Protein backbone atom coordinates (compact mmCIF):
# COMPACT_ATOMS: atom_id res chain seq x y z
CA UNK A 1 47.27 -73.28 -18.51
CA UNK A 2 46.03 -70.80 -15.86
CA UNK A 3 42.30 -70.63 -15.25
CA UNK A 4 40.16 -67.66 -16.25
CA UNK A 5 40.14 -66.54 -12.60
CA UNK A 6 43.01 -64.11 -11.95
CA UNK A 7 43.84 -64.63 -8.28
CA UNK A 8 44.70 -61.72 -5.96
CA UNK A 9 48.21 -61.50 -4.51
CA UNK A 10 49.29 -64.43 -6.69
CA UNK A 11 51.61 -64.94 -9.69
CA UNK A 12 49.44 -64.59 -12.82
CA UNK A 13 51.08 -67.68 -14.35
CA UNK A 14 50.38 -69.92 -11.35
CA UNK A 15 48.13 -72.85 -12.26
CA UNK A 16 47.78 -75.05 -9.17
CA UNK A 17 45.60 -73.85 -6.31
CA UNK A 18 43.97 -75.60 -3.35
CA UNK A 19 40.22 -75.56 -4.00
CA UNK A 20 38.43 -74.98 -0.69
CA UNK A 21 35.06 -76.70 -0.69
CA UNK A 22 33.67 -76.59 2.85
CA UNK A 23 34.19 -75.73 6.47
CA UNK A 24 32.83 -76.23 9.98
CA UNK A 25 33.96 -74.33 13.04
CA UNK A 26 37.70 -73.78 12.70
CA UNK A 27 38.12 -76.61 10.17
CA UNK A 28 38.20 -76.24 6.39
CA UNK A 29 38.28 -78.95 3.72
CA UNK A 30 39.36 -78.96 0.08
CA UNK A 31 37.71 -80.66 -2.90
CA UNK A 32 39.95 -83.69 -2.43
CA UNK A 33 38.64 -84.30 1.08
CA UNK A 34 41.71 -83.02 2.89
CA UNK A 35 40.88 -81.23 6.15
CA UNK A 36 42.97 -78.60 7.91
CA UNK A 37 42.77 -76.27 10.89
CA UNK A 38 42.40 -72.69 9.69
CA UNK A 39 44.75 -70.84 12.04
CA UNK A 40 44.20 -67.59 10.10
CA UNK A 41 40.39 -67.25 10.15
CA UNK A 42 40.78 -67.21 6.35
CA UNK A 43 42.19 -63.68 6.09
CA UNK A 44 41.74 -62.46 9.67
CA UNK A 45 37.93 -62.52 9.57
CA UNK A 46 36.14 -65.81 10.32
CA UNK A 47 35.57 -65.07 14.02
CA UNK A 48 32.41 -67.15 14.47
CA UNK A 49 33.73 -69.97 12.30
CA UNK A 50 32.40 -71.80 9.28
CA UNK A 51 29.14 -73.60 8.59
CA UNK A 52 26.79 -71.46 10.72
CA UNK A 53 23.32 -72.41 9.52
CA UNK A 54 21.68 -69.62 11.51
CA UNK A 55 23.67 -67.09 9.46
CA UNK A 56 22.62 -68.76 6.23
CA UNK A 57 19.01 -68.61 7.44
CA UNK A 58 19.30 -64.88 8.16
CA UNK A 59 20.72 -64.32 4.68
CA UNK A 60 17.91 -66.26 3.04
CA UNK A 61 15.15 -64.66 5.11
CA UNK A 62 16.41 -61.15 4.41
CA UNK A 63 16.91 -61.85 0.70
CA UNK A 64 13.30 -63.05 0.48
CA UNK A 65 12.03 -59.81 2.03
CA UNK A 66 14.47 -57.37 0.43
CA UNK A 67 17.63 -58.58 -1.30
CA UNK A 68 18.98 -55.11 -1.96
CA UNK A 69 18.04 -51.47 -2.33
CA UNK A 70 20.29 -48.43 -2.28
CA UNK A 71 20.60 -46.01 0.63
CA UNK A 72 21.30 -42.82 -1.28
CA UNK A 73 18.99 -39.92 -0.34
CA UNK A 74 16.10 -40.34 0.42
CA UNK A 75 16.24 -44.11 1.17
CA UNK A 76 17.33 -46.30 4.08
CA UNK A 77 16.44 -49.73 5.46
CA UNK A 78 15.90 -51.17 8.96
CA UNK A 79 18.93 -53.46 8.82
CA UNK A 80 21.45 -50.68 8.09
CA UNK A 81 19.89 -48.42 10.73
CA UNK A 82 19.90 -51.17 13.36
CA UNK A 83 23.45 -52.28 12.63
CA UNK A 84 24.74 -48.71 12.70
CA UNK A 85 23.13 -48.20 16.11
CA UNK A 86 24.63 -51.46 17.41
CA UNK A 87 28.12 -50.62 16.11
CA UNK A 88 27.98 -47.21 17.79
CA UNK A 89 26.87 -48.90 21.04
CA UNK A 90 29.90 -51.21 20.92
CA UNK A 91 32.34 -48.50 19.85
CA UNK A 92 34.50 -46.33 22.13
CA UNK A 93 32.48 -43.23 21.19
CA UNK A 94 29.71 -41.66 23.26
CA UNK A 95 28.33 -40.17 20.05
CA UNK A 96 29.07 -41.44 16.55
CA UNK A 97 27.75 -42.22 13.10
CA UNK A 98 28.55 -45.10 10.75
CA UNK A 99 29.17 -45.08 7.01
CA UNK A 100 28.89 -48.49 5.30
CA UNK A 101 30.78 -50.00 2.36
CA UNK A 102 31.72 -53.49 1.27
CA UNK A 103 35.49 -53.91 1.72
CA UNK A 104 38.19 -52.74 4.08
CA UNK A 105 39.82 -50.98 1.15
CA UNK A 106 36.64 -48.98 0.60
CA UNK A 107 36.53 -48.12 4.29
CA UNK A 108 40.09 -46.77 4.25
CA UNK A 109 39.53 -44.66 1.14
CA UNK A 110 36.32 -43.32 2.64
CA UNK A 111 38.02 -42.42 5.93
CA UNK A 112 40.73 -40.52 4.05
CA UNK A 113 38.15 -38.60 2.02
CA UNK A 114 36.02 -37.83 5.06
CA UNK A 115 39.04 -36.61 7.02
CA UNK A 116 39.93 -34.13 4.29
CA UNK A 117 36.45 -32.87 3.53
CA UNK A 118 35.44 -32.53 7.18
CA UNK A 119 38.43 -30.23 7.73
CA UNK A 120 37.25 -28.18 4.77
CA UNK A 121 33.73 -27.96 6.17
CA UNK A 122 35.22 -26.81 9.49
CA UNK A 123 37.06 -23.99 7.75
CA UNK A 124 40.46 -25.71 7.55
CA UNK A 125 40.85 -26.46 3.80
CA UNK A 126 44.65 -26.38 4.06
CA UNK A 127 44.64 -29.59 6.11
CA UNK A 128 45.08 -32.22 3.38
CA UNK A 129 48.11 -34.35 4.32
CA UNK A 130 47.53 -37.92 5.48
CA UNK A 131 50.36 -39.45 7.54
CA UNK A 132 50.85 -43.22 7.65
CA UNK A 133 53.43 -45.60 9.07
CA UNK A 134 55.86 -48.05 7.52
CA UNK A 135 54.62 -51.67 7.72
CA UNK A 136 51.02 -50.47 7.65
CA UNK A 137 48.58 -52.27 5.36
CA UNK A 138 45.52 -50.23 4.40
CA UNK A 139 43.95 -52.10 1.52
CA UNK A 140 44.54 -51.94 -2.21
CA UNK A 141 42.31 -49.21 -3.59
CA UNK A 142 44.23 -46.13 -4.70
CA UNK A 143 43.86 -44.33 -1.40
CA UNK A 144 44.90 -47.35 0.63
CA UNK A 145 47.72 -48.13 -1.78
CA UNK A 146 48.96 -44.56 -1.39
CA UNK A 147 49.17 -44.82 2.42
CA UNK A 148 50.61 -48.33 2.28
CA UNK A 149 53.63 -48.83 4.48
CA UNK A 150 54.55 -52.02 2.60
CA UNK A 151 56.62 -50.81 -0.33
CA UNK A 152 56.12 -53.78 -2.72
CA UNK A 153 52.36 -53.20 -2.58
CA UNK A 154 52.85 -49.71 -4.03
CA UNK A 155 55.30 -50.72 -6.75
CA UNK A 156 54.32 -50.30 -10.38
CA UNK A 157 50.87 -48.75 -9.98
CA UNK A 158 51.86 -45.34 -11.28
CA UNK A 159 51.21 -41.97 -9.66
CA UNK A 160 49.39 -42.43 -6.39
CA UNK A 161 47.20 -40.09 -4.32
CA UNK A 162 49.17 -36.93 -3.46
CA UNK A 163 49.54 -35.45 0.00
CA UNK A 164 50.74 -38.63 1.72
CA UNK A 165 53.68 -38.87 4.14
CA UNK A 166 54.91 -42.29 5.31
CA UNK A 167 56.84 -42.33 8.58
CA UNK A 168 59.10 -44.95 10.14
CA UNK A 169 56.99 -47.27 12.29
CA UNK A 170 57.20 -46.92 16.08
CA UNK A 171 59.53 -43.90 15.92
CA UNK A 172 58.11 -41.17 18.17
CA UNK A 173 60.76 -38.66 17.14
CA UNK A 174 60.14 -39.18 13.42
CA UNK A 175 56.43 -38.53 13.93
CA UNK A 176 57.19 -35.42 15.99
CA UNK A 177 59.37 -34.06 13.18
CA UNK A 178 56.63 -34.59 10.60
CA UNK A 179 54.17 -32.66 12.74
CA UNK A 180 56.71 -29.93 13.46
CA UNK A 181 57.29 -29.45 9.73
CA UNK A 182 53.76 -29.98 8.40
CA UNK A 183 51.41 -29.73 11.39
CA UNK A 184 49.24 -26.97 9.92
CA UNK A 185 48.59 -29.08 6.81
CA UNK A 186 48.05 -32.51 8.37
CA UNK A 187 44.47 -33.74 8.08
CA UNK A 188 44.96 -37.10 9.77
CA UNK A 189 47.24 -39.88 10.88
CA UNK A 190 46.12 -43.36 9.84
CA UNK A 191 47.42 -46.42 11.64
CA UNK A 192 46.50 -49.96 12.50
CA UNK A 193 46.51 -50.30 16.30
CA UNK A 194 48.23 -53.64 15.66
CA UNK A 195 49.94 -53.74 12.29
CA UNK A 196 48.70 -57.02 10.88
CA UNK A 197 49.44 -57.94 7.28
CA UNK A 198 53.13 -57.05 7.57
CA UNK A 199 53.63 -59.71 10.23
CA UNK A 200 51.71 -58.64 13.38
CA UNK A 201 53.42 -55.75 15.15
CA UNK A 202 51.74 -54.46 18.33
CA UNK A 203 52.52 -50.82 19.19
CA UNK A 204 55.25 -49.96 21.67
CA UNK A 205 54.02 -48.92 25.10
CA UNK A 206 52.52 -45.43 24.92
CA UNK A 207 52.90 -45.05 21.15
CA UNK A 208 49.20 -44.78 20.33
CA UNK A 209 48.69 -42.28 23.17
CA UNK A 210 51.54 -40.25 21.71
CA UNK A 211 49.78 -40.16 18.33
CA UNK A 212 46.58 -39.03 20.04
CA UNK A 213 48.43 -36.21 21.79
CA UNK A 214 50.11 -35.02 18.58
CA UNK A 215 46.81 -35.02 16.69
CA UNK A 216 45.14 -33.06 19.49
CA UNK A 217 47.98 -30.53 19.62
CA UNK A 218 47.93 -29.86 15.87
CA UNK A 219 44.21 -30.27 15.20
CA UNK A 220 44.53 -33.44 13.12
CA UNK A 221 42.26 -36.48 13.13
CA UNK A 222 43.46 -39.88 14.31
CA UNK A 223 42.21 -42.78 12.17
CA UNK A 224 42.47 -46.31 13.53
CA UNK A 225 42.33 -48.90 10.77
CA UNK A 226 40.63 -51.73 12.64
CA UNK A 227 39.79 -53.88 9.64
CA UNK A 228 41.69 -56.73 11.34
CA UNK A 229 41.35 -55.83 15.03
CA UNK A 230 37.70 -54.76 15.07
CA UNK A 231 34.89 -56.93 16.42
CA UNK A 232 36.58 -58.90 19.13
CA UNK A 233 40.02 -59.90 17.93
CA UNK A 234 41.83 -58.39 20.94
CA UNK A 235 39.24 -59.42 23.52
CA UNK A 236 37.58 -55.98 23.26
CA UNK A 237 35.15 -54.98 20.54
CA UNK A 238 37.78 -52.61 19.18
CA UNK A 239 41.52 -52.39 19.75
CA UNK A 240 41.06 -48.73 20.63
CA UNK A 241 39.29 -49.95 23.77
CA UNK A 242 41.96 -52.59 24.36
CA UNK A 243 44.69 -49.92 24.31
CA UNK A 244 42.61 -47.18 25.95
CA UNK A 245 43.10 -44.67 23.13
CA UNK A 246 40.08 -43.20 21.32
CA UNK A 247 40.62 -42.08 17.70
CA UNK A 248 38.39 -39.81 15.63
CA UNK A 249 37.56 -42.38 12.95
CA UNK A 250 37.62 -46.19 12.94
CA UNK A 251 37.56 -48.34 9.82
CA UNK A 252 36.18 -51.87 10.07
CA UNK A 253 35.32 -54.85 7.85
CA UNK A 254 36.20 -58.57 7.98
CA UNK A 255 34.88 -59.91 11.32
CA UNK A 256 31.77 -57.71 11.39
CA UNK A 257 30.14 -60.45 9.29
CA UNK A 258 32.83 -63.12 9.81
CA UNK A 259 33.20 -62.94 6.04
CA UNK A 260 29.83 -64.52 5.26
CA UNK A 261 28.91 -61.39 3.29
CA UNK A 262 31.22 -58.49 2.34
CA UNK A 263 30.62 -55.50 4.63
CA UNK A 264 32.76 -52.64 5.87
CA UNK A 265 32.36 -49.26 7.45
CA UNK A 266 33.77 -46.12 9.01
CA UNK A 267 32.76 -45.02 12.50
CA UNK A 268 33.00 -41.24 12.86
CA UNK A 269 33.34 -39.70 16.31
CA UNK A 270 32.05 -36.31 17.51
CA UNK A 271 34.78 -34.08 16.03
CA UNK A 272 34.18 -35.40 12.53
CA UNK A 273 30.39 -35.47 12.81
CA UNK A 274 30.24 -31.90 14.04
CA UNK A 275 32.22 -30.71 11.01
CA UNK A 276 30.11 -32.66 8.52
CA UNK A 277 26.85 -31.45 10.06
CA UNK A 278 27.90 -27.80 10.46
CA UNK A 279 26.58 -26.65 7.09
CA UNK A 280 22.92 -27.46 6.43
CA UNK A 281 23.45 -27.30 2.67
CA UNK A 282 26.44 -29.63 2.58
CA UNK A 283 26.00 -32.91 0.67
CA UNK A 284 28.44 -35.78 1.28
CA UNK A 285 29.18 -36.81 -2.29
CA UNK A 286 30.70 -40.21 -1.69
CA UNK A 287 29.19 -43.65 -1.30
CA UNK A 288 28.82 -47.07 -2.84
CA UNK A 289 26.07 -48.97 -4.58
CA UNK A 290 26.03 -51.45 -1.71
CA UNK A 291 26.40 -49.03 1.21
CA UNK A 292 24.04 -50.31 3.91
CA UNK A 293 23.19 -53.48 1.96
CA UNK A 294 20.29 -55.06 3.88
CA UNK A 295 21.48 -58.68 3.63
CA UNK A 296 25.01 -57.76 4.71
CA UNK A 297 23.75 -55.65 7.61
CA UNK A 298 21.40 -58.41 8.75
CA UNK A 299 24.36 -60.79 8.83
CA UNK A 300 26.41 -58.23 10.75
CA UNK A 301 23.71 -58.07 13.43
CA UNK A 302 23.57 -61.86 13.64
CA UNK A 303 27.36 -62.21 13.96
CA UNK A 304 27.46 -59.67 16.78
CA UNK A 305 24.63 -61.55 18.49
CA UNK A 306 26.59 -64.82 18.21
CA UNK A 307 29.74 -63.26 19.62
CA UNK A 308 27.80 -61.85 22.57
CA UNK A 309 25.83 -65.04 23.18
CA UNK A 310 28.86 -67.34 23.05
CA UNK A 311 31.28 -65.09 24.91
CA UNK A 312 33.73 -64.98 22.02
CA UNK A 313 35.46 -61.81 23.20
CA UNK A 314 36.44 -63.60 26.39
CA UNK A 315 37.43 -66.57 24.27
CA UNK A 316 39.78 -64.34 22.27
CA UNK A 317 41.69 -63.59 25.45
CA UNK A 318 41.93 -67.28 26.33
CA UNK A 319 43.08 -68.17 22.82
CA UNK A 320 45.79 -65.52 23.02
CA UNK A 321 47.04 -66.81 26.36
CA UNK A 322 47.28 -70.39 25.08
CA UNK A 323 48.87 -69.42 21.76
CA UNK A 324 51.40 -67.05 23.28
CA UNK A 325 52.47 -69.59 25.91
CA UNK A 326 53.04 -72.23 23.24
CA UNK A 327 54.85 -69.85 20.91
CA UNK A 328 57.05 -68.58 23.72
CA UNK A 329 57.98 -72.19 24.44
CA UNK A 330 59.02 -72.67 20.81
CA UNK A 331 61.14 -69.54 21.00
CA UNK A 332 62.74 -70.68 24.27
CA UNK A 333 63.73 -73.90 22.49
CA UNK A 334 65.38 -71.93 19.69
CA UNK A 335 62.79 -72.74 17.03
CA UNK A 336 61.51 -69.17 16.68
CA UNK A 337 63.39 -65.88 16.48
CA UNK A 338 60.57 -63.64 17.71
CA UNK A 339 56.99 -63.85 18.99
CA UNK A 340 54.56 -60.90 18.80
CA UNK A 341 50.87 -60.39 19.37
CA UNK A 342 47.91 -59.37 21.48
CA UNK A 343 44.53 -60.96 22.06
CA UNK A 344 43.98 -63.63 19.42
CA UNK A 345 46.29 -62.26 16.71
CA UNK A 346 49.92 -63.40 16.68
CA UNK A 347 52.98 -63.34 14.49
CA UNK A 348 56.33 -65.08 14.68
CA UNK A 349 59.66 -64.84 12.90
CA UNK A 350 61.33 -68.07 11.85
CA UNK A 351 65.10 -68.56 11.40
CA UNK A 352 66.54 -67.11 8.19
CA UNK A 353 67.74 -70.59 7.26
CA UNK A 354 64.13 -71.63 6.64
CA UNK A 355 62.04 -70.67 3.62
CA UNK A 356 58.77 -69.14 4.81
CA UNK A 357 56.68 -70.43 1.89
CA UNK A 358 58.11 -73.94 2.23
CA UNK A 359 57.34 -73.78 5.95
CA UNK A 360 53.73 -72.84 5.18
CA UNK A 361 53.47 -75.77 2.77
CA UNK A 362 54.98 -78.19 5.28
CA UNK A 363 52.43 -77.10 7.89
CA UNK A 364 49.63 -77.75 5.39
CA UNK A 365 50.78 -81.37 5.08
CA UNK A 366 50.22 -81.61 8.84
CA UNK A 367 46.72 -80.19 8.57
CA UNK A 368 47.42 -76.60 9.66
CA UNK A 369 47.07 -73.38 7.67
CA UNK A 370 48.93 -70.20 8.65
CA UNK A 371 49.84 -67.15 6.56
CA UNK A 372 53.43 -66.63 5.40
CA UNK A 373 54.76 -63.06 5.26
CA UNK A 374 58.13 -62.81 3.49
CA UNK A 375 60.90 -62.74 4.33
CA UNK A 376 60.48 -64.82 7.49
CA UNK A 377 57.17 -64.22 9.30
CA UNK A 378 54.18 -66.47 9.95
CA UNK A 379 50.89 -65.08 11.25
CA UNK A 380 48.08 -66.74 13.22
CA UNK A 381 44.63 -65.28 13.78
CA UNK A 382 42.34 -68.27 14.39
CA UNK A 383 38.56 -68.29 14.46
CA UNK A 384 37.36 -67.46 17.96
CA UNK A 385 35.59 -70.84 18.02
CA UNK A 386 38.85 -72.78 17.75
CA UNK A 387 39.17 -75.41 20.48
CA UNK A 388 42.06 -75.82 22.88
CA UNK A 389 42.89 -79.17 21.26
CA UNK A 390 43.04 -77.50 17.86
CA UNK A 391 45.34 -74.77 19.20
CA UNK A 392 47.60 -77.48 20.61
CA UNK A 393 47.61 -79.22 17.22
CA UNK A 394 48.72 -75.97 15.58
CA UNK A 395 51.54 -75.60 18.10
CA UNK A 396 52.58 -79.25 17.72
CA UNK A 397 52.69 -78.88 13.92
CA UNK A 398 54.87 -75.80 14.27
CA UNK A 399 57.24 -77.67 16.59
CA UNK A 400 57.44 -80.61 14.20
CA UNK A 401 58.07 -78.54 11.07
CA UNK A 402 60.43 -76.00 12.63
CA UNK A 403 62.31 -78.73 14.47
CA UNK A 404 62.61 -80.88 11.36
CA UNK A 405 60.96 -83.89 12.97
């Protein structure tokens, strides 16, 4: 009989799950004592690894002083103010503000709402359309579900948010046509710089710059969904810096706290801020109970400090070089169909003759966890504290399983 816990992205009738009980560094163990290398940083987020006592200490110390208090007018707290300032410092913007939530899904919905209302406040109420790309994953709240580029994730949830156009991924001409037909009504384009949950798809050369140019030409905002790529995954704090393209809004979550506490946010650049601040009487009527949660923000500050202190952005680059070399070798030997990635986030396609879920399970028996993406993709996004020996173990396990040895 299934447990009372209804698991996300799982068959409701499934009964057997692996119960994760502990972790240190890039290693995780289950309640049976089995240990495995987490080559996915859980779900793209455990950058500083597991078992960090200094993070637990920060959580406890902050909870003793102030566990929680809301930040609706007229309140704030030092932790949310300090983290917002630090995030802006690390961002690609010269001038910016940060809105906090708890999940990446909340961040995406917030960015969509802010894009629309800031156009209204700037005297452009007709600009309501949000354009997204096929293969894009933008969370599972109703806004994010509506801009999903992964069709099965939209299926069966009834009428979704109106005013959404989904465009073929990586097709410059298709995007040009959408702007030519609807440019006066487009509020924003939302895209992951590297499309992650659909199998890791970096952008073609010049594609993100092309989006920036179209948005500038038609007066639309460019939203980068950096829930996966933010906070060091590409070797830069944000993928916008990695690719040299500055959007108008950036969503983030996951690695900002390495998952120790839920935290997300939206960074708003000058164009958006100027619109929101134009009218002195305007009130931004959106927010969450836990926006600017002091414990979460204290953890965010500590995780950034750890990444800076331990040089984990530079480590992301080194991880990517070692992973890509090993994966390319597997492809050269005919064990992989395709290899894709940037920084420390990678995806591969396995031969159609192999079942992707069975391949995931076989890797687990060799002490390695990756994420399967049907029909035939595996993704790897290891903690930035993973060792070279552990990377080599991941690659050896892939060779063994894919080669049938």
